[in-house]
Amino acid sequence: MPTPCPCPCQSAAKTEEKPDRYISFVGLDCDAKAHEIMACIRRYIDDPQHTNAFWEYFKKKAEGGSGAKPDDLFLVHSNLNQIRELFEAHEDAMALALLDRIEEECC
């Protein structure tokens, strides 16, 4: 007979110190935060001096130009590192703080 999984996710005695991540998303309004961060991104990449091939592709994807239009949270989650680099390059502390919050609470 196989040994039961010792993984806490399979255990009946889950710790209450850290709430279940999916339940903890309730009330965080991740969609609104993602929409806000997309506005921060567009503030830079819509300026021809601050765009490049990647950001042009990102804009096309965000607008549904390369298939089905993904939601903002999916785009942010899928491109966290590139978005972080963009905000770091522009020394945008407020956008970086929001990105950190989205990554911690929503992704």
N, C-alpha and C. Protein backbone atom coordinates (compact mmCIF):
# COMPACT_ATOMS: atom_id res chain seq x y z
N MET A 1 0.84 -1.17 0.00
CA MET A 1 0.00 0.00 0.00
C MET A 1 0.89 1.24 0.00
N PRO A 2 0.61 2.22 -0.90
CA PRO A 2 1.46 3.40 -0.97
C PRO A 2 1.36 4.25 0.29
N THR A 3 2.46 4.91 0.60
CA THR A 3 2.52 5.81 1.75
C THR A 3 1.78 7.10 1.40
N PRO A 4 0.97 7.63 2.33
CA PRO A 4 0.25 8.88 2.05
C PRO A 4 1.23 10.02 1.81
N CYS A 5 0.83 10.95 1.00
CA CYS A 5 1.66 12.11 0.66
C CYS A 5 1.84 12.99 1.90
N PRO A 6 3.08 13.31 2.25
CA PRO A 6 3.31 14.18 3.41
C PRO A 6 3.11 15.66 3.07
N CYS A 7 2.79 15.94 1.84
CA CYS A 7 2.62 17.32 1.40
C CYS A 7 1.51 18.00 2.20
N PRO A 8 1.75 19.22 2.71
CA PRO A 8 0.72 19.92 3.48
C PRO A 8 -0.56 20.18 2.68
N CYS A 9 -0.43 20.27 1.36
CA CYS A 9 -1.63 20.51 0.55
C CYS A 9 -2.57 19.32 0.59
N GLN A 10 -2.07 18.14 0.92
CA GLN A 10 -2.89 16.94 1.00
C GLN A 10 -3.30 16.62 2.44
N SER A 11 -2.73 17.32 3.36
CA SER A 11 -2.98 17.06 4.78
C SER A 11 -4.27 17.73 5.23
N ALA A 12 -4.98 17.07 6.12
CA ALA A 12 -6.21 17.64 6.68
C ALA A 12 -5.88 18.75 7.67
N ALA A 13 -4.70 18.72 8.21
CA ALA A 13 -4.30 19.71 9.23
C ALA A 13 -3.46 20.80 8.59
N LYS A 14 -4.06 21.61 7.72
CA LYS A 14 -3.34 22.71 7.09
C LYS A 14 -3.11 23.81 8.12
N THR A 15 -1.99 24.47 8.00
CA THR A 15 -1.68 25.56 8.91
C THR A 15 -2.52 26.79 8.57
N GLU A 16 -2.91 27.52 9.56
CA GLU A 16 -3.71 28.73 9.36
C GLU A 16 -2.83 29.97 9.27
N GLU A 17 -1.52 29.80 9.39
CA GLU A 17 -0.62 30.94 9.32
C GLU A 17 -0.67 31.62 7.96
N LYS A 18 -0.75 30.85 6.92
CA LYS A 18 -0.79 31.37 5.56
C LYS A 18 -2.09 30.90 4.92
N PRO A 19 -2.98 31.82 4.57
CA PRO A 19 -4.26 31.39 3.97
C PRO A 19 -4.05 30.79 2.59
N ASP A 20 -4.97 29.93 2.21
CA ASP A 20 -4.96 29.36 0.87
C ASP A 20 -4.89 30.50 -0.13
N ARG A 21 -3.93 30.45 -1.04
CA ARG A 21 -3.68 31.55 -1.98
C ARG A 21 -4.93 31.90 -2.79
N TYR A 22 -5.68 30.90 -3.23
CA TYR A 22 -6.85 31.20 -4.06
C TYR A 22 -7.94 31.89 -3.25
N ILE A 23 -8.10 31.51 -2.03
CA ILE A 23 -9.08 32.17 -1.17
C ILE A 23 -8.60 33.57 -0.83
N SER A 24 -7.29 33.73 -0.67
CA SER A 24 -6.75 35.03 -0.27
C SER A 24 -6.85 36.07 -1.38
N PHE A 25 -7.15 35.68 -2.62
CA PHE A 25 -7.32 36.64 -3.70
C PHE A 25 -8.63 37.43 -3.57
N VAL A 26 -9.58 36.91 -2.82
CA VAL A 26 -10.89 37.53 -2.69
C VAL A 26 -10.73 38.95 -2.13
N GLY A 27 -11.31 39.92 -2.83
CA GLY A 27 -11.30 41.30 -2.37
C GLY A 27 -10.05 42.09 -2.74
N LEU A 28 -9.11 41.50 -3.44
CA LEU A 28 -7.88 42.21 -3.79
C LEU A 28 -8.03 43.05 -5.05
N ASP A 29 -9.04 42.80 -5.84
CA ASP A 29 -9.30 43.50 -7.09
C ASP A 29 -8.07 43.51 -8.00
N CYS A 30 -7.58 42.33 -8.26
CA CYS A 30 -6.39 42.15 -9.11
C CYS A 30 -6.61 42.70 -10.51
N ASP A 31 -7.83 42.60 -11.02
CA ASP A 31 -8.09 43.13 -12.36
C ASP A 31 -7.88 44.64 -12.41
N ALA A 32 -8.32 45.35 -11.39
CA ALA A 32 -8.14 46.80 -11.35
C ALA A 32 -6.66 47.16 -11.24
N LYS A 33 -5.93 46.41 -10.42
CA LYS A 33 -4.49 46.67 -10.28
C LYS A 33 -3.77 46.40 -11.60
N ALA A 34 -4.15 45.34 -12.29
CA ALA A 34 -3.53 45.02 -13.58
C ALA A 34 -3.85 46.10 -14.61
N HIS A 35 -5.07 46.59 -14.59
CA HIS A 35 -5.45 47.67 -15.50
C HIS A 35 -4.62 48.92 -15.21
N GLU A 36 -4.41 49.20 -13.95
CA GLU A 36 -3.62 50.37 -13.55
C GLU A 36 -2.15 50.22 -13.99
N ILE A 37 -1.59 49.03 -13.82
CA ILE A 37 -0.19 48.83 -14.21
C ILE A 37 -0.05 48.90 -15.72
N MET A 38 -1.07 48.44 -16.46
CA MET A 38 -1.03 48.55 -17.92
C MET A 38 -1.00 50.02 -18.34
N ALA A 39 -1.71 50.88 -17.63
CA ALA A 39 -1.67 52.32 -17.93
C ALA A 39 -0.26 52.86 -17.67
N CYS A 40 0.39 52.40 -16.63
CA CYS A 40 1.77 52.81 -16.35
C CYS A 40 2.70 52.36 -17.47
N ILE A 41 2.53 51.14 -17.93
CA ILE A 41 3.36 50.61 -19.01
C ILE A 41 3.15 51.44 -20.27
N ARG A 42 1.89 51.69 -20.61
CA ARG A 42 1.58 52.41 -21.85
C ARG A 42 2.12 53.84 -21.81
N ARG A 43 2.21 54.41 -20.64
CA ARG A 43 2.76 55.77 -20.50
C ARG A 43 4.17 55.83 -21.12
N TYR A 44 4.91 54.75 -21.01
CA TYR A 44 6.26 54.71 -21.58
C TYR A 44 6.28 54.17 -23.00
N ILE A 45 5.65 53.05 -23.23
CA ILE A 45 5.82 52.37 -24.52
C ILE A 45 5.04 53.02 -25.65
N ASP A 46 4.08 53.89 -25.33
CA ASP A 46 3.39 54.61 -26.39
C ASP A 46 4.22 55.77 -26.93
N ASP A 47 5.29 56.12 -26.23
CA ASP A 47 6.22 57.16 -26.67
C ASP A 47 7.22 56.51 -27.62
N PRO A 48 7.25 56.93 -28.89
CA PRO A 48 8.16 56.29 -29.85
C PRO A 48 9.63 56.27 -29.41
N GLN A 49 10.04 57.19 -28.55
CA GLN A 49 11.43 57.22 -28.08
C GLN A 49 11.72 56.12 -27.05
N HIS A 50 10.68 55.55 -26.46
CA HIS A 50 10.88 54.56 -25.39
C HIS A 50 10.36 53.18 -25.74
N THR A 51 10.11 52.93 -26.99
CA THR A 51 9.58 51.62 -27.37
C THR A 51 10.65 50.83 -28.12
N ASN A 52 10.37 49.58 -28.34
CA ASN A 52 11.25 48.71 -29.12
C ASN A 52 10.39 47.60 -29.69
N ALA A 53 11.01 46.65 -30.37
CA ALA A 53 10.24 45.58 -31.02
C ALA A 53 9.42 44.78 -30.01
N PHE A 54 9.99 44.51 -28.83
CA PHE A 54 9.24 43.76 -27.83
C PHE A 54 7.99 44.52 -27.41
N TRP A 55 8.12 45.80 -27.09
CA TRP A 55 6.97 46.56 -26.61
C TRP A 55 5.93 46.77 -27.70
N GLU A 56 6.37 46.86 -28.94
CA GLU A 56 5.40 46.94 -30.04
C GLU A 56 4.60 45.64 -30.14
N TYR A 57 5.28 44.52 -29.98
CA TYR A 57 4.58 43.23 -29.95
C TYR A 57 3.64 43.15 -28.75
N PHE A 58 4.10 43.61 -27.61
CA PHE A 58 3.29 43.62 -26.38
C PHE A 58 2.01 44.43 -26.61
N LYS A 59 2.15 45.62 -27.21
CA LYS A 59 0.97 46.45 -27.49
C LYS A 59 0.00 45.73 -28.41
N LYS A 60 0.55 45.12 -29.45
CA LYS A 60 -0.30 44.38 -30.40
C LYS A 60 -1.04 43.26 -29.68
N LYS A 61 -0.33 42.53 -28.85
CA LYS A 61 -0.94 41.43 -28.10
C LYS A 61 -2.02 41.96 -27.15
N ALA A 62 -1.72 43.06 -26.45
CA ALA A 62 -2.66 43.65 -25.50
C ALA A 62 -3.95 44.10 -26.17
N GLU A 63 -3.85 44.47 -27.42
CA GLU A 63 -5.02 44.95 -28.16
C GLU A 63 -5.72 43.82 -28.91
N GLY A 64 -5.21 42.60 -28.77
CA GLY A 64 -5.83 41.46 -29.43
C GLY A 64 -5.44 41.32 -30.88
N GLY A 65 -4.37 41.99 -31.28
CA GLY A 65 -3.95 41.96 -32.67
C GLY A 65 -3.21 40.71 -33.10
N SER A 66 -2.86 39.86 -32.15
CA SER A 66 -2.13 38.63 -32.53
C SER A 66 -2.87 37.40 -32.02
N GLY A 67 -4.18 37.45 -32.10
CA GLY A 67 -5.00 36.34 -31.61
C GLY A 67 -6.01 36.84 -30.61
N ALA A 68 -6.43 35.95 -29.76
CA ALA A 68 -7.41 36.33 -28.73
C ALA A 68 -6.80 37.36 -27.78
N LYS A 69 -7.59 38.33 -27.38
CA LYS A 69 -7.11 39.38 -26.48
C LYS A 69 -7.02 38.82 -25.06
N PRO A 70 -5.80 38.78 -24.51
CA PRO A 70 -5.66 38.29 -23.13
C PRO A 70 -6.08 39.38 -22.15
N ASP A 71 -6.43 38.97 -20.93
CA ASP A 71 -6.75 39.99 -19.95
C ASP A 71 -5.45 40.61 -19.43
N ASP A 72 -5.56 41.80 -18.84
CA ASP A 72 -4.40 42.55 -18.38
C ASP A 72 -3.56 41.76 -17.37
N LEU A 73 -4.22 41.08 -16.44
CA LEU A 73 -3.49 40.35 -15.41
C LEU A 73 -2.63 39.25 -16.02
N PHE A 74 -3.16 38.56 -17.02
CA PHE A 74 -2.38 37.52 -17.70
C PHE A 74 -1.15 38.13 -18.36
N LEU A 75 -1.33 39.26 -19.06
CA LEU A 75 -0.19 39.91 -19.71
C LEU A 75 0.86 40.35 -18.70
N VAL A 76 0.43 40.92 -17.61
CA VAL A 76 1.37 41.36 -16.58
C VAL A 76 2.11 40.15 -16.02
N HIS A 77 1.37 39.14 -15.65
CA HIS A 77 1.97 37.93 -15.08
C HIS A 77 2.98 37.31 -16.05
N SER A 78 2.65 37.29 -17.31
CA SER A 78 3.50 36.65 -18.32
C SER A 78 4.76 37.45 -18.65
N ASN A 79 4.77 38.72 -18.28
CA ASN A 79 5.88 39.59 -18.67
C ASN A 79 6.45 40.37 -17.49
N LEU A 80 6.39 39.80 -16.30
CA LEU A 80 6.84 40.50 -15.09
C LEU A 80 8.27 41.04 -15.21
N ASN A 81 9.18 40.24 -15.69
CA ASN A 81 10.58 40.66 -15.75
C ASN A 81 10.79 41.83 -16.71
N GLN A 82 10.16 41.78 -17.87
CA GLN A 82 10.30 42.86 -18.84
C GLN A 82 9.67 44.15 -18.31
N ILE A 83 8.52 44.01 -17.65
CA ILE A 83 7.85 45.18 -17.08
C ILE A 83 8.71 45.79 -15.98
N ARG A 84 9.27 44.94 -15.13
CA ARG A 84 10.14 45.42 -14.06
C ARG A 84 11.34 46.19 -14.65
N GLU A 85 11.95 45.64 -15.70
CA GLU A 85 13.08 46.32 -16.34
C GLU A 85 12.67 47.68 -16.90
N LEU A 86 11.48 47.76 -17.48
CA LEU A 86 10.98 49.02 -18.02
C LEU A 86 10.88 50.07 -16.92
N PHE A 87 10.26 49.71 -15.81
CA PHE A 87 10.08 50.66 -14.72
C PHE A 87 11.41 51.02 -14.05
N GLU A 88 12.30 50.05 -13.95
CA GLU A 88 13.63 50.33 -13.38
C GLU A 88 14.39 51.29 -14.28
N ALA A 89 14.32 51.10 -15.59
CA ALA A 89 15.01 51.98 -16.53
C ALA A 89 14.52 53.42 -16.42
N HIS A 90 13.25 53.58 -16.09
CA HIS A 90 12.66 54.91 -15.96
C HIS A 90 12.62 55.38 -14.50
N GLU A 91 13.21 54.58 -13.62
CA GLU A 91 13.26 54.91 -12.18
C GLU A 91 11.88 55.30 -11.64
N ASP A 92 10.89 54.52 -12.03
CA ASP A 92 9.50 54.75 -11.62
C ASP A 92 9.19 53.93 -10.37
N ALA A 93 9.47 54.50 -9.22
CA ALA A 93 9.31 53.80 -7.94
C ALA A 93 7.85 53.45 -7.67
N MET A 94 6.92 54.32 -8.04
CA MET A 94 5.50 54.05 -7.78
C MET A 94 5.02 52.86 -8.61
N ALA A 95 5.41 52.81 -9.88
CA ALA A 95 5.00 51.69 -10.73
C ALA A 95 5.65 50.40 -10.25
N LEU A 96 6.90 50.47 -9.82
CA LEU A 96 7.58 49.28 -9.29
C LEU A 96 6.89 48.77 -8.03
N ALA A 97 6.46 49.68 -7.17
CA ALA A 97 5.75 49.27 -5.95
C ALA A 97 4.43 48.59 -6.30
N LEU A 98 3.71 49.13 -7.27
CA LEU A 98 2.46 48.51 -7.70
C LEU A 98 2.73 47.15 -8.32
N LEU A 99 3.78 47.05 -9.13
CA LEU A 99 4.13 45.77 -9.74
C LEU A 99 4.46 44.75 -8.66
N ASP A 100 5.21 45.13 -7.65
CA ASP A 100 5.54 44.24 -6.54
C ASP A 100 4.26 43.75 -5.86
N ARG A 101 3.33 44.66 -5.65
CA ARG A 101 2.06 44.31 -5.02
C ARG A 101 1.27 43.31 -5.86
N ILE A 102 1.23 43.57 -7.15
CA ILE A 102 0.52 42.66 -8.05
C ILE A 102 1.17 41.29 -8.04
N GLU A 103 2.49 41.27 -8.10
CA GLU A 103 3.20 39.98 -8.10
C GLU A 103 2.95 39.21 -6.82
N GLU A 104 2.96 39.90 -5.70
CA GLU A 104 2.76 39.25 -4.39
C GLU A 104 1.32 38.81 -4.19
N GLU A 105 0.38 39.68 -4.53
CA GLU A 105 -1.02 39.41 -4.21
C GLU A 105 -1.80 38.68 -5.30
N CYS A 106 -1.38 38.85 -6.56
CA CYS A 106 -2.24 38.41 -7.66
C CYS A 106 -1.65 37.36 -8.58
N CYS A 107 -0.35 37.19 -8.59
CA CYS A 107 0.26 36.27 -9.56
C CYS A 107 0.66 34.97 -8.92
